[in-house]
Amino acid sequence: MKKRIQILATVFAAMSVSWFFAGFLPHVERHKQLLQETRETGKRLADYQRTFSELPAYLNESRKLQQLRGELNSKLYSKEDVLRLFGQLKSEAESRNLVLAEISPPVEELLYLNSIIPDSSTAQFLTVRLTLTGDYQAFGRFVRAVEQAGFFRGIERCEIFANRQDRQTVTYNLTFKALLGALEEDS
């Protein structure tokens, strides 16, 4: 009978050890994993609740910033104004048989205009430099037309370069101030 009790005790111990490793230990590990996931989900939920509570303030601030951006953009000179000015100068030159070789505002001035927030009540000016070729009379008519245009605000520099060998080719560098946004069509 002692042998039988020993066998039963051994079988019981083996079954207990097997049950511990096969059933209980995985359950404990799964329980730990579920607790960890529950804590992480709780943290995410708290984060979502905090974010959700801050959402109206964020949306309000976003609306204010979009409105401010629109106001600031409306005060900046527009690319369309500059392109329209360049187009008008090109057509004036072509109508007087002048070749417009180069048209450029200084890069520093464009960067400066972009960096400031102008007062909406003040006008914005742009320095324009033209390089033209053609004859003297056509250039004179061109300058007269530019001076009468609505955007013109004063000549800063005018240079004339004539080639001694080829008197037909004359190069003109004209630098003047232009008022942006005030282009008027010639009648």
C-alpha atoms as a PDB file:
ATOM      1  CA  MET A   1       0.000   0.000   0.000  1.00  0.00           C
ATOM      2  CA  LYS A   2       2.918   2.230   0.591  1.00  0.00           C
ATOM      3  CA  LYS A   3       3.962   1.675  -2.940  1.00  0.00           C
ATOM      4  CA  ARG A   4       0.546   2.578  -4.156  1.00  0.00           C
ATOM      5  CA  ILE A   5       0.602   5.842  -2.174  1.00  0.00           C
ATOM      6  CA  GLN A   6       4.033   6.649  -3.572  1.00  0.00           C
ATOM      7  CA  ILE A   7       2.837   5.963  -7.123  1.00  0.00           C
ATOM      8  CA  LEU A   8      -0.283   8.074  -6.556  1.00  0.00           C
ATOM      9  CA  ALA A   9       1.802  10.840  -5.006  1.00  0.00           C
ATOM     10  CA  THR A  10       4.247  10.716  -7.915  1.00  0.00           C
ATOM     11  CA  VAL A  11       1.412  10.743 -10.468  1.00  0.00           C
ATOM     12  CA  PHE A  12      -0.267  13.583  -8.574  1.00  0.00           C
ATOM     13  CA  ALA A  13       3.007  15.560  -8.434  1.00  0.00           C
ATOM     14  CA  ALA A  14       3.655  14.921 -12.142  1.00  0.00           C
ATOM     15  CA  MET A  15       0.116  16.031 -12.994  1.00  0.00           C
ATOM     16  CA  SER A  16       0.483  19.100 -10.798  1.00  0.00           C
ATOM     17  CA  VAL A  17       3.784  20.051 -12.412  1.00  0.00           C
ATOM     18  CA  SER A  18       2.330  19.381 -15.894  1.00  0.00           C
ATOM     19  CA  TRP A  19      -0.768  21.442 -15.090  1.00  0.00           C
ATOM     20  CA  PHE A  20       1.419  24.241 -13.672  1.00  0.00           C
ATOM     21  CA  PHE A  21       3.584  24.422 -16.828  1.00  0.00           C
ATOM     22  CA  ALA A  22       0.867  23.602 -19.366  1.00  0.00           C
ATOM     23  CA  GLY A  23      -2.112  25.463 -17.924  1.00  0.00           C
ATOM     24  CA  PHE A  24      -1.332  27.864 -15.107  1.00  0.00           C
ATOM     25  CA  LEU A  25       1.928  29.484 -16.296  1.00  0.00           C
ATOM     26  CA  PRO A  26       0.586  30.463 -19.772  1.00  0.00           C
ATOM     27  CA  HIS A  27      -2.535  31.824 -18.060  1.00  0.00           C
ATOM     28  CA  VAL A  28      -0.395  33.938 -15.698  1.00  0.00           C
ATOM     29  CA  GLU A  29       1.696  35.228 -18.653  1.00  0.00           C
ATOM     30  CA  ARG A  30      -1.462  36.039 -20.626  1.00  0.00           C
ATOM     31  CA  HIS A  31      -2.875  37.788 -17.550  1.00  0.00           C
ATOM     32  CA  LYS A  32       0.314  39.924 -17.261  1.00  0.00           C
ATOM     33  CA  GLN A  33       0.140  40.722 -20.971  1.00  0.00           C
ATOM     34  CA  LEU A  34      -3.519  41.753 -20.680  1.00  0.00           C
ATOM     35  CA  LEU A  35      -2.726  43.953 -17.680  1.00  0.00           C
ATOM     36  CA  GLN A  36       0.092  45.633 -19.640  1.00  0.00           C
ATOM     37  CA  GLU A  37      -2.193  46.179 -22.660  1.00  0.00           C
ATOM     38  CA  THR A  38      -4.905  47.552 -20.364  1.00  0.00           C
ATOM     39  CA  ARG A  39      -2.442  50.064 -18.849  1.00  0.00           C
ATOM     40  CA  GLU A  40      -1.235  51.150 -22.317  1.00  0.00           C
ATOM     41  CA  THR A  41      -4.823  51.465 -23.553  1.00  0.00           C
ATOM     42  CA  GLY A  42      -5.663  53.520 -20.462  1.00  0.00           C
ATOM     43  CA  LYS A  43      -2.733  55.850 -21.199  1.00  0.00           C
ATOM     44  CA  ARG A  44      -3.810  56.200 -24.848  1.00  0.00           C
ATOM     45  CA  LEU A  45      -7.391  56.853 -23.749  1.00  0.00           C
ATOM     46  CA  ALA A  46      -6.224  59.566 -21.344  1.00  0.00           C
ATOM     47  CA  ASP A  47      -4.126  61.068 -24.145  1.00  0.00           C
ATOM     48  CA  TYR A  48      -7.113  60.990 -26.536  1.00  0.00           C
ATOM     49  CA  GLN A  49      -9.326  62.604 -23.907  1.00  0.00           C
ATOM     50  CA  ARG A  50      -6.752  65.341 -23.320  1.00  0.00           C
ATOM     51  CA  THR A  51      -6.390  65.884 -27.071  1.00  0.00           C
ATOM     52  CA  PHE A  52     -10.146  65.921 -27.513  1.00  0.00           C
ATOM     53  CA  SER A  53     -10.523  68.504 -24.743  1.00  0.00           C
ATOM     54  CA  GLU A  54      -7.863  70.694 -26.409  1.00  0.00           C
ATOM     55  CA  LEU A  55      -9.354  70.296 -29.902  1.00  0.00           C
ATOM     56  CA  PRO A  56     -11.738  73.313 -29.786  1.00  0.00           C
ATOM     57  CA  ALA A  57      -8.917  75.623 -28.720  1.00  0.00           C
ATOM     58  CA  TYR A  58      -6.675  74.187 -31.444  1.00  0.00           C
ATOM     59  CA  LEU A  59      -9.361  74.640 -34.124  1.00  0.00           C
ATOM     60  CA  ASN A  60     -10.044  78.186 -32.947  1.00  0.00           C
ATOM     61  CA  GLU A  61      -6.334  79.034 -33.055  1.00  0.00           C
ATOM     62  CA  SER A  62      -6.034  77.432 -36.490  1.00  0.00           C
ATOM     63  CA  ARG A  63      -8.936  79.554 -37.778  1.00  0.00           C
ATOM     64  CA  LYS A  64      -7.328  82.707 -36.359  1.00  0.00           C
ATOM     65  CA  LEU A  65      -3.971  81.858 -37.972  1.00  0.00           C
ATOM     66  CA  GLN A  66      -5.618  81.161 -41.346  1.00  0.00           C
ATOM     67  CA  GLN A  67      -7.416  84.497 -41.145  1.00  0.00           C
ATOM     68  CA  LEU A  68      -4.192  86.300 -40.210  1.00  0.00           C
ATOM     69  CA  ARG A  69      -2.386  84.567 -43.068  1.00  0.00           C
ATOM     70  CA  GLY A  70      -5.046  85.742 -45.499  1.00  0.00           C
ATOM     71  CA  GLU A  71      -4.783  89.305 -44.210  1.00  0.00           C
ATOM     72  CA  LEU A  72      -0.986  89.287 -44.458  1.00  0.00           C
ATOM     73  CA  ASN A  73      -1.047  87.789 -47.954  1.00  0.00           C
ATOM     74  CA  SER A  74      -3.510  90.434 -49.092  1.00  0.00           C
ATOM     75  CA  LYS A  75      -1.058  93.126 -48.002  1.00  0.00           C
ATOM     76  CA  LEU A  76       1.933  91.635 -49.840  1.00  0.00           C
ATOM     77  CA  TYR A  77       2.649  92.583 -53.406  1.00  0.00           C
ATOM     78  CA  SER A  78       1.336  89.929 -55.698  1.00  0.00           C
ATOM     79  CA  LYS A  79       3.244  87.976 -58.265  1.00  0.00           C
ATOM     80  CA  GLU A  80       0.498  88.866 -60.739  1.00  0.00           C
ATOM     81  CA  ASP A  81       1.213  92.606 -60.259  1.00  0.00           C
ATOM     82  CA  VAL A  82       4.894  92.093 -61.062  1.00  0.00           C
ATOM     83  CA  LEU A  83       4.160  89.851 -64.067  1.00  0.00           C
ATOM     84  CA  ARG A  84       1.555  92.294 -65.380  1.00  0.00           C
ATOM     85  CA  LEU A  85       4.096  95.131 -65.056  1.00  0.00           C
ATOM     86  CA  PHE A  86       6.707  93.081 -66.934  1.00  0.00           C
ATOM     87  CA  GLY A  87       4.193  92.209 -69.649  1.00  0.00           C
ATOM     88  CA  GLN A  88       3.224  95.843 -70.119  1.00  0.00           C
ATOM     89  CA  LEU A  89       6.876  96.913 -70.370  1.00  0.00           C
ATOM     90  CA  LYS A  90       7.580  94.158 -72.900  1.00  0.00           C
ATOM     91  CA  SER A  91       4.647  95.136 -75.108  1.00  0.00           C
ATOM     92  CA  GLU A  92       5.664  98.830 -74.934  1.00  0.00           C
ATOM     93  CA  ALA A  93       9.184  97.928 -76.058  1.00  0.00           C
ATOM     94  CA  GLU A  94       7.985  95.656 -78.874  1.00  0.00           C
ATOM     95  CA  SER A  95       5.531  98.291 -80.162  1.00  0.00           C
ATOM     96  CA  ARG A  96       8.491 100.691 -80.585  1.00  0.00           C
ATOM     97  CA  ASN A  97      10.775  98.100 -82.257  1.00  0.00           C
ATOM     98  CA  LEU A  98      13.054  97.825 -79.251  1.00  0.00           C
ATOM     99  CA  VAL A  99      14.474  94.497 -78.137  1.00  0.00           C
ATOM    100  CA  LEU A 100      13.961  93.934 -74.411  1.00  0.00           C
ATOM    101  CA  ALA A 101      17.073  91.922 -73.532  1.00  0.00           C
ATOM    102  CA  GLU A 102      16.644  91.869 -69.756  1.00  0.00           C
ATOM    103  CA  ILE A 103      14.107  92.952 -67.186  1.00  0.00           C
ATOM    104  CA  SER A 104      14.834  92.444 -63.517  1.00  0.00           C
ATOM    105  CA  PRO A 105      14.067  93.802 -60.126  1.00  0.00           C
ATOM    106  CA  PRO A 106      16.957  93.397 -57.693  1.00  0.00           C
ATOM    107  CA  VAL A 107      16.720  90.122 -55.781  1.00  0.00           C
ATOM    108  CA  GLU A 108      17.538  91.905 -52.517  1.00  0.00           C
ATOM    109  CA  GLU A 109      14.537  94.162 -53.003  1.00  0.00           C
ATOM    110  CA  LEU A 110      12.190  91.231 -53.687  1.00  0.00           C
ATOM    111  CA  LEU A 111      13.472  89.492 -50.546  1.00  0.00           C
ATOM    112  CA  TYR A 112      13.022  92.682 -48.552  1.00  0.00           C
ATOM    113  CA  LEU A 113       9.470  93.173 -49.850  1.00  0.00           C
ATOM    114  CA  ASN A 114       8.652  89.607 -48.857  1.00  0.00           C
ATOM    115  CA  SER A 115      10.172  90.012 -45.390  1.00  0.00           C
ATOM    116  CA  ILE A 116       8.232  93.112 -44.311  1.00  0.00           C
ATOM    117  CA  ILE A 117       4.594  93.329 -43.350  1.00  0.00           C
ATOM    118  CA  PRO A 118       3.504  96.488 -45.136  1.00  0.00           C
ATOM    119  CA  ASP A 119       0.914  98.909 -43.847  1.00  0.00           C
ATOM    120  CA  SER A 120      -2.179  98.549 -46.012  1.00  0.00           C
ATOM    121  CA  SER A 121      -2.412 102.328 -46.340  1.00  0.00           C
ATOM    122  CA  THR A 122       1.071 102.723 -47.846  1.00  0.00           C
ATOM    123  CA  ALA A 123       2.025 101.935 -51.411  1.00  0.00           C
ATOM    124  CA  GLN A 124       4.690  99.411 -52.362  1.00  0.00           C
ATOM    125  CA  PHE A 125       7.384 100.310 -54.849  1.00  0.00           C
ATOM    126  CA  LEU A 126       9.656  98.078 -56.874  1.00  0.00           C
ATOM    127  CA  THR A 127      12.900  99.042 -58.607  1.00  0.00           C
ATOM    128  CA  VAL A 128      12.868  97.764 -62.198  1.00  0.00           C
ATOM    129  CA  ARG A 129      15.955  97.532 -64.389  1.00  0.00           C
ATOM    130  CA  LEU A 130      15.556  97.163 -68.157  1.00  0.00           C
ATOM    131  CA  THR A 131      18.201  96.432 -70.759  1.00  0.00           C
ATOM    132  CA  LEU A 132      17.012  97.345 -74.257  1.00  0.00           C
ATOM    133  CA  THR A 133      18.560  97.596 -77.710  1.00  0.00           C
ATOM    134  CA  GLY A 134      17.346  99.721 -80.601  1.00  0.00           C
ATOM    135  CA  ASP A 135      17.590 103.255 -81.970  1.00  0.00           C
ATOM    136  CA  TYR A 136      17.578 106.524 -80.022  1.00  0.00           C
ATOM    137  CA  GLN A 137      14.187 107.815 -81.149  1.00  0.00           C
ATOM    138  CA  ALA A 138      12.420 104.544 -80.343  1.00  0.00           C
ATOM    139  CA  PHE A 139      14.046 104.517 -76.917  1.00  0.00           C
ATOM    140  CA  GLY A 140      12.953 108.133 -76.329  1.00  0.00           C
ATOM    141  CA  ARG A 141       9.341 107.253 -77.244  1.00  0.00           C
ATOM    142  CA  PHE A 142       9.528 104.216 -74.971  1.00  0.00           C
ATOM    143  CA  VAL A 143      10.785 106.281 -72.004  1.00  0.00           C
ATOM    144  CA  ARG A 144       8.032 108.880 -72.624  1.00  0.00           C
ATOM    145  CA  ALA A 145       5.391 106.113 -72.613  1.00  0.00           C
ATOM    146  CA  VAL A 146       6.799 104.602 -69.408  1.00  0.00           C
ATOM    147  CA  GLU A 147       6.879 108.024 -67.712  1.00  0.00           C
ATOM    148  CA  GLN A 148       3.195 108.528 -68.553  1.00  0.00           C
ATOM    149  CA  ALA A 149       2.139 105.097 -67.278  1.00  0.00           C
ATOM    150  CA  GLY A 150       0.251 104.832 -63.991  1.00  0.00           C
ATOM    151  CA  PHE A 151       2.906 102.679 -62.311  1.00  0.00           C
ATOM    152  CA  PHE A 152       5.852 105.044 -63.019  1.00  0.00           C
ATOM    153  CA  ARG A 153       7.318 106.841 -59.981  1.00  0.00           C
ATOM    154  CA  GLY A 154      10.685 108.142 -61.173  1.00  0.00           C
ATOM    155  CA  ILE A 155      13.836 107.261 -63.085  1.00  0.00           C
ATOM    156  CA  GLU A 156      16.828 106.305 -60.981  1.00  0.00           C
ATOM    157  CA  ARG A 157      19.407 105.675 -63.715  1.00  0.00           C
ATOM    158  CA  CYS A 158      19.678 105.731 -67.490  1.00  0.00           C
ATOM    159  CA  GLU A 159      22.803 104.505 -69.312  1.00  0.00           C
ATOM    160  CA  ILE A 160      23.395 104.445 -73.057  1.00  0.00           C
ATOM    161  CA  PHE A 161      26.134 102.283 -74.617  1.00  0.00           C
ATOM    162  CA  ALA A 162      26.950 102.682 -78.295  1.00  0.00           C
ATOM    163  CA  ASN A 163      29.403 100.506 -80.194  1.00  0.00           C
ATOM    164  CA  ARG A 164      31.903 102.577 -82.227  1.00  0.00           C
ATOM    165  CA  GLN A 165      32.077 100.039 -85.047  1.00  0.00           C
ATOM    166  CA  ASP A 166      28.338  99.287 -85.226  1.00  0.00           C
ATOM    167  CA  ARG A 167      26.422 102.503 -84.620  1.00  0.00           C
ATOM    168  CA  GLN A 168      23.099 100.739 -85.296  1.00  0.00           C
ATOM    169  CA  THR A 169      23.394  98.637 -82.121  1.00  0.00           C
ATOM    170  CA  VAL A 170      22.778 100.829 -79.084  1.00  0.00           C
ATOM    171  CA  THR A 171      22.174  99.335 -75.640  1.00  0.00           C
ATOM    172  CA  TYR A 172      20.151 101.162 -73.001  1.00  0.00           C
ATOM    173  CA  ASN A 173      20.000 100.403 -69.281  1.00  0.00           C
ATOM    174  CA  LEU A 174      16.998 102.076 -67.666  1.00  0.00           C
ATOM    175  CA  THR A 175      16.308 101.812 -63.926  1.00  0.00           C
ATOM    176  CA  PHE A 176      13.130 103.268 -62.453  1.00  0.00           C
ATOM    177  CA  LYS A 177      10.700 102.939 -59.535  1.00  0.00           C
ATOM    178  CA  ALA A 178       7.317 101.359 -60.192  1.00  0.00           C
ATOM    179  CA  LEU A 179       4.232 101.434 -57.990  1.00  0.00           C
ATOM    180  CA  LEU A 180       2.889  97.901 -57.545  1.00  0.00           C
ATOM    181  CA  GLY A 181      -0.794  97.241 -57.952  1.00  0.00           C
ATOM    182  CA  ALA A 182      -1.458 100.488 -59.832  1.00  0.00           C
ATOM    183  CA  LEU A 183      -1.042  99.422 -63.443  1.00  0.00           C
ATOM    184  CA  GLU A 184      -3.222 101.409 -65.805  1.00  0.00           C
ATOM    185  CA  GLU A 185      -3.865 100.507 -69.408  1.00  0.00           C
ATOM    186  CA  ASP A 186      -2.877 103.181 -71.902  1.00  0.00           C
ATOM    187  CA  SER A 187      -5.864 104.626 -73.754  1.00  0.00           C
END
